[in-house]
């Protein structure tokens, strides 16, 4: 896991999911702007949290694939999503723990 700062997270995303760099850059810009406007670090903390979890999930391809499959099941709405949502929660909690959040 990279350090929990924008530069380290950007480098990690560039290695594991380069197509997501524009989204990371936009999110960082918005977080910085919001932090300045609100005089709060909360938007920057949310940015770090979001991208640290993304990296933790994406660096394990099998876990990322499972998450995408679960999200697809929920989005389709063809069956009861309770089990899928519970498994998504487990994946996110594991990723947060790996990231040290």
N, C-alpha and C. Protein backbone atom coordinates (compact mmCIF):
# COMPACT_ATOMS: atom_id res chain seq x y z
N UNK A 1 0.84 -1.18 0.00
CA UNK A 1 0.00 0.00 0.00
C UNK A 1 0.89 1.24 0.00
N UNK A 2 0.48 2.23 -0.77
CA UNK A 2 1.23 3.48 -0.77
C UNK A 2 0.96 4.28 0.50
N UNK A 3 1.77 5.30 0.70
CA UNK A 3 1.49 6.23 1.79
C UNK A 3 0.16 6.91 1.50
N UNK A 4 -0.48 7.40 2.55
CA UNK A 4 -1.79 8.03 2.40
C UNK A 4 -1.64 9.52 2.15
N UNK A 5 -1.13 9.84 0.97
CA UNK A 5 -1.04 11.24 0.54
C UNK A 5 -1.32 11.29 -0.96
N UNK A 6 -1.72 12.44 -1.47
CA UNK A 6 -2.12 12.52 -2.88
C UNK A 6 -1.06 12.05 -3.88
N UNK A 7 0.20 12.41 -3.67
CA UNK A 7 1.24 12.02 -4.62
C UNK A 7 1.43 10.50 -4.66
N UNK A 8 1.48 9.88 -3.50
CA UNK A 8 1.67 8.43 -3.45
C UNK A 8 0.46 7.70 -4.02
N UNK A 9 -0.73 8.20 -3.71
CA UNK A 9 -1.94 7.57 -4.26
C UNK A 9 -2.00 7.73 -5.78
N UNK A 10 -1.62 8.91 -6.28
CA UNK A 10 -1.60 9.13 -7.73
C UNK A 10 -0.62 8.15 -8.40
N UNK A 11 0.54 7.96 -7.82
CA UNK A 11 1.52 7.03 -8.38
C UNK A 11 0.98 5.60 -8.39
N UNK A 12 0.32 5.22 -7.32
CA UNK A 12 -0.25 3.87 -7.26
C UNK A 12 -1.35 3.69 -8.29
N UNK A 13 -2.22 4.67 -8.42
CA UNK A 13 -3.30 4.59 -9.41
C UNK A 13 -2.70 4.56 -10.81
N UNK A 14 -1.66 5.32 -11.06
CA UNK A 14 -1.02 5.31 -12.38
C UNK A 14 -0.48 3.93 -12.72
N UNK A 15 -0.04 3.17 -11.73
CA UNK A 15 0.47 1.82 -11.96
C UNK A 15 -0.65 0.80 -12.16
N UNK A 16 -1.70 0.87 -11.34
CA UNK A 16 -2.70 -0.21 -11.36
C UNK A 16 -3.94 0.10 -12.18
N UNK A 17 -4.23 1.38 -12.40
CA UNK A 17 -5.44 1.75 -13.16
C UNK A 17 -5.22 3.12 -13.80
N UNK A 18 -4.31 3.21 -14.76
CA UNK A 18 -3.99 4.52 -15.34
C UNK A 18 -5.18 5.26 -15.93
N UNK A 19 -6.18 4.55 -16.36
CA UNK A 19 -7.36 5.21 -16.93
C UNK A 19 -8.12 6.03 -15.88
N UNK A 20 -7.86 5.80 -14.60
CA UNK A 20 -8.56 6.50 -13.52
C UNK A 20 -7.85 7.78 -13.07
N UNK A 21 -6.69 8.08 -13.64
CA UNK A 21 -5.96 9.29 -13.26
C UNK A 21 -6.80 10.55 -13.46
N UNK A 22 -7.52 10.72 -14.58
CA UNK A 22 -8.34 11.93 -14.70
C UNK A 22 -9.38 12.07 -13.58
N UNK A 23 -9.99 10.96 -13.17
CA UNK A 23 -10.97 11.01 -12.08
C UNK A 23 -10.30 11.38 -10.77
N UNK A 24 -9.12 10.81 -10.51
CA UNK A 24 -8.38 11.15 -9.30
C UNK A 24 -8.02 12.63 -9.31
N UNK A 25 -7.53 13.12 -10.43
CA UNK A 25 -7.14 14.53 -10.53
C UNK A 25 -8.33 15.45 -10.29
N UNK A 26 -9.46 15.12 -10.89
CA UNK A 26 -10.67 15.93 -10.70
C UNK A 26 -11.12 15.90 -9.25
N UNK A 27 -11.10 14.72 -8.64
CA UNK A 27 -11.51 14.59 -7.24
C UNK A 27 -10.57 15.40 -6.33
N UNK A 28 -9.26 15.35 -6.61
CA UNK A 28 -8.31 16.11 -5.80
C UNK A 28 -8.55 17.61 -5.96
N UNK A 29 -8.81 18.06 -7.17
CA UNK A 29 -9.09 19.48 -7.41
C UNK A 29 -10.33 19.90 -6.62
N UNK A 30 -11.40 19.10 -6.69
CA UNK A 30 -12.63 19.42 -5.98
C UNK A 30 -12.41 19.39 -4.46
N UNK A 31 -11.66 18.41 -3.98
CA UNK A 31 -11.40 18.30 -2.54
C UNK A 31 -10.60 19.51 -2.04
N UNK A 32 -9.62 19.91 -2.82
CA UNK A 32 -8.81 21.06 -2.43
C UNK A 32 -9.64 22.34 -2.41
N UNK A 33 -10.45 22.52 -3.45
CA UNK A 33 -11.32 23.69 -3.51
C UNK A 33 -12.29 23.71 -2.34
N UNK A 34 -12.92 22.57 -2.07
CA UNK A 34 -13.87 22.49 -0.95
C UNK A 34 -13.18 22.71 0.39
N UNK A 35 -11.98 22.19 0.54
CA UNK A 35 -11.23 22.39 1.79
C UNK A 35 -10.95 23.87 2.01
N UNK A 36 -10.57 24.56 0.94
CA UNK A 36 -10.31 25.99 1.07
C UNK A 36 -11.58 26.76 1.39
N UNK A 37 -12.65 26.43 0.71
CA UNK A 37 -13.91 27.16 0.91
C UNK A 37 -14.49 26.93 2.29
N UNK A 38 -14.37 25.73 2.79
CA UNK A 38 -14.96 25.41 4.09
C UNK A 38 -13.97 25.56 5.24
N UNK A 39 -12.71 25.80 4.91
CA UNK A 39 -11.64 25.87 5.90
C UNK A 39 -11.64 24.61 6.77
N UNK A 40 -11.71 23.48 6.08
CA UNK A 40 -11.77 22.18 6.75
C UNK A 40 -10.92 21.19 5.97
N UNK A 41 -10.30 20.28 6.67
CA UNK A 41 -9.53 19.22 6.02
C UNK A 41 -10.40 18.02 5.65
N UNK A 42 -11.66 18.04 6.02
CA UNK A 42 -12.54 16.90 5.77
C UNK A 42 -12.59 16.50 4.29
N UNK A 43 -12.70 17.44 3.34
CA UNK A 43 -12.72 17.02 1.93
C UNK A 43 -11.43 16.32 1.49
N UNK A 44 -10.30 16.75 2.02
CA UNK A 44 -9.04 16.09 1.68
C UNK A 44 -8.93 14.72 2.34
N UNK A 45 -9.45 14.61 3.54
CA UNK A 45 -9.47 13.29 4.20
C UNK A 45 -10.36 12.32 3.43
N UNK A 46 -11.50 12.82 2.94
CA UNK A 46 -12.40 11.97 2.15
C UNK A 46 -11.73 11.54 0.85
N UNK A 47 -10.98 12.44 0.22
CA UNK A 47 -10.24 12.10 -0.99
C UNK A 47 -9.25 10.97 -0.71
N UNK A 48 -8.44 11.13 0.33
CA UNK A 48 -7.44 10.12 0.67
C UNK A 48 -8.13 8.79 0.99
N UNK A 49 -9.19 8.84 1.75
CA UNK A 49 -9.91 7.62 2.11
C UNK A 49 -10.42 6.91 0.86
N UNK A 50 -11.08 7.64 0.00
CA UNK A 50 -11.67 7.06 -1.21
C UNK A 50 -10.61 6.40 -2.10
N UNK A 51 -9.52 7.10 -2.34
CA UNK A 51 -8.52 6.57 -3.26
C UNK A 51 -7.65 5.51 -2.61
N UNK A 52 -7.46 5.56 -1.31
CA UNK A 52 -6.72 4.49 -0.64
C UNK A 52 -7.51 3.18 -0.71
N UNK A 53 -8.81 3.26 -0.51
CA UNK A 53 -9.65 2.07 -0.63
C UNK A 53 -9.65 1.57 -2.07
N UNK A 54 -9.74 2.48 -3.03
CA UNK A 54 -9.68 2.09 -4.44
C UNK A 54 -8.40 1.32 -4.73
N UNK A 55 -7.26 1.84 -4.29
CA UNK A 55 -5.98 1.18 -4.53
C UNK A 55 -5.95 -0.19 -3.86
N UNK A 56 -6.40 -0.25 -2.62
CA UNK A 56 -6.38 -1.53 -1.90
C UNK A 56 -7.23 -2.58 -2.61
N UNK A 57 -8.34 -2.17 -3.17
CA UNK A 57 -9.19 -3.12 -3.90
C UNK A 57 -8.57 -3.49 -5.23
N UNK A 58 -8.13 -2.50 -5.99
CA UNK A 58 -7.65 -2.74 -7.35
C UNK A 58 -6.31 -3.47 -7.40
N UNK A 59 -5.54 -3.42 -6.35
CA UNK A 59 -4.25 -4.09 -6.39
C UNK A 59 -4.38 -5.60 -6.24
N UNK A 60 -5.58 -6.06 -5.97
CA UNK A 60 -5.87 -7.51 -5.94
C UNK A 60 -6.93 -7.78 -7.00
N UNK A 61 -6.50 -8.18 -8.20
CA UNK A 61 -7.44 -8.33 -9.32
C UNK A 61 -8.65 -9.22 -9.04
N UNK A 62 -8.46 -10.29 -8.29
CA UNK A 62 -9.60 -11.16 -8.00
C UNK A 62 -10.63 -10.46 -7.12
N UNK A 63 -10.17 -9.66 -6.19
CA UNK A 63 -11.09 -8.92 -5.33
C UNK A 63 -11.79 -7.82 -6.13
N UNK A 64 -11.06 -7.14 -6.98
CA UNK A 64 -11.67 -6.10 -7.82
C UNK A 64 -12.72 -6.70 -8.74
N UNK A 65 -12.42 -7.85 -9.33
CA UNK A 65 -13.38 -8.51 -10.22
C UNK A 65 -14.63 -8.91 -9.45
N UNK A 66 -14.46 -9.42 -8.26
CA UNK A 66 -15.61 -9.82 -7.45
C UNK A 66 -16.46 -8.61 -7.08
N UNK A 67 -15.81 -7.52 -6.71
CA UNK A 67 -16.55 -6.30 -6.38
C UNK A 67 -17.36 -5.82 -7.59
N UNK A 68 -16.76 -5.82 -8.76
CA UNK A 68 -17.47 -5.38 -9.96
C UNK A 68 -18.66 -6.29 -10.27
N UNK A 69 -18.48 -7.58 -10.06
CA UNK A 69 -19.58 -8.52 -10.27
C UNK A 69 -20.73 -8.25 -9.28
N UNK A 70 -20.39 -8.02 -8.03
CA UNK A 70 -21.41 -7.72 -7.03
C UNK A 70 -22.14 -6.42 -7.33
N UNK A 71 -21.38 -5.41 -7.75
CA UNK A 71 -21.99 -4.13 -8.11
C UNK A 71 -22.93 -4.30 -9.30
N UNK A 72 -22.53 -5.14 -10.25
CA UNK A 72 -23.39 -5.40 -11.41
C UNK A 72 -24.69 -6.07 -10.97
N UNK A 73 -24.60 -7.04 -10.06
CA UNK A 73 -25.80 -7.71 -9.56
C UNK A 73 -26.75 -6.72 -8.89
N UNK A 74 -26.19 -5.83 -8.09
CA UNK A 74 -27.01 -4.83 -7.40
C UNK A 74 -27.64 -3.89 -8.42
N UNK A 75 -26.85 -3.43 -9.38
CA UNK A 75 -27.34 -2.48 -10.39
C UNK A 75 -28.46 -3.08 -11.25
N UNK A 76 -28.35 -4.37 -11.55
CA UNK A 76 -29.37 -5.01 -12.39
C UNK A 76 -30.71 -5.09 -11.69
N UNK A 77 -30.68 -5.25 -10.39
CA UNK A 77 -31.91 -5.28 -9.61
C UNK A 77 -32.82 -6.46 -9.88
N UNK A 78 -32.27 -7.53 -10.42
CA UNK A 78 -33.10 -8.69 -10.76
C UNK A 78 -33.28 -9.66 -9.60
N UNK A 79 -32.46 -9.55 -8.59
CA UNK A 79 -32.59 -10.42 -7.43
C UNK A 79 -32.38 -9.61 -6.16
N UNK A 80 -32.70 -10.21 -5.03
CA UNK A 80 -32.53 -9.54 -3.74
C UNK A 80 -31.06 -9.17 -3.55
N UNK A 81 -30.77 -7.89 -3.36
CA UNK A 81 -29.37 -7.46 -3.28
C UNK A 81 -28.74 -7.59 -1.90
N UNK A 82 -29.47 -8.09 -0.92
CA UNK A 82 -28.99 -8.09 0.46
C UNK A 82 -27.63 -8.79 0.61
N UNK A 83 -27.50 -9.99 0.05
CA UNK A 83 -26.24 -10.74 0.18
C UNK A 83 -25.12 -10.03 -0.57
N UNK A 84 -25.41 -9.51 -1.74
CA UNK A 84 -24.38 -8.81 -2.52
C UNK A 84 -23.91 -7.56 -1.78
N UNK A 85 -24.84 -6.82 -1.22
CA UNK A 85 -24.47 -5.61 -0.48
C UNK A 85 -23.63 -5.96 0.75
N UNK A 86 -23.98 -7.03 1.42
CA UNK A 86 -23.21 -7.46 2.58
C UNK A 86 -21.78 -7.84 2.18
N UNK A 87 -21.63 -8.52 1.04
CA UNK A 87 -20.29 -8.90 0.58
C UNK A 87 -19.49 -7.67 0.13
N UNK A 88 -20.17 -6.71 -0.50
CA UNK A 88 -19.50 -5.45 -0.87
C UNK A 88 -18.96 -4.77 0.38
N UNK A 89 -19.76 -4.76 1.42
CA UNK A 89 -19.34 -4.15 2.69
C UNK A 89 -18.10 -4.85 3.24
N UNK A 90 -18.07 -6.17 3.16
CA UNK A 90 -16.91 -6.93 3.64
C UNK A 90 -15.66 -6.58 2.83
N UNK A 91 -15.80 -6.47 1.52
CA UNK A 91 -14.67 -6.10 0.66
C UNK A 91 -14.16 -4.71 1.03
N UNK A 92 -15.07 -3.75 1.19
CA UNK A 92 -14.67 -2.39 1.54
C UNK A 92 -13.98 -2.35 2.91
N UNK A 93 -14.51 -3.08 3.88
CA UNK A 93 -13.91 -3.08 5.21
C UNK A 93 -12.51 -3.69 5.19
N UNK A 94 -12.32 -4.74 4.41
CA UNK A 94 -10.99 -5.35 4.28
C UNK A 94 -10.03 -4.36 3.61
N UNK A 95 -10.50 -3.67 2.61
CA UNK A 95 -9.64 -2.69 1.91
C UNK A 95 -9.29 -1.54 2.86
N UNK A 96 -10.25 -1.07 3.64
CA UNK A 96 -9.97 -0.01 4.60
C UNK A 96 -8.92 -0.46 5.61
N UNK A 97 -9.04 -1.69 6.09
CA UNK A 97 -8.07 -2.20 7.06
C UNK A 97 -6.68 -2.28 6.43
N UNK A 98 -6.59 -2.77 5.18
CA UNK A 98 -5.29 -2.85 4.50
C UNK A 98 -4.68 -1.46 4.33
N UNK A 99 -5.51 -0.48 4.08
CA UNK A 99 -5.03 0.89 3.87
C UNK A 99 -4.70 1.59 5.19
N UNK A 100 -5.06 0.97 6.29
CA UNK A 100 -4.80 1.58 7.59
C UNK A 100 -5.79 2.67 7.95
N UNK A 101 -6.99 2.53 7.44
CA UNK A 101 -8.03 3.54 7.69
C UNK A 101 -8.98 3.08 8.78
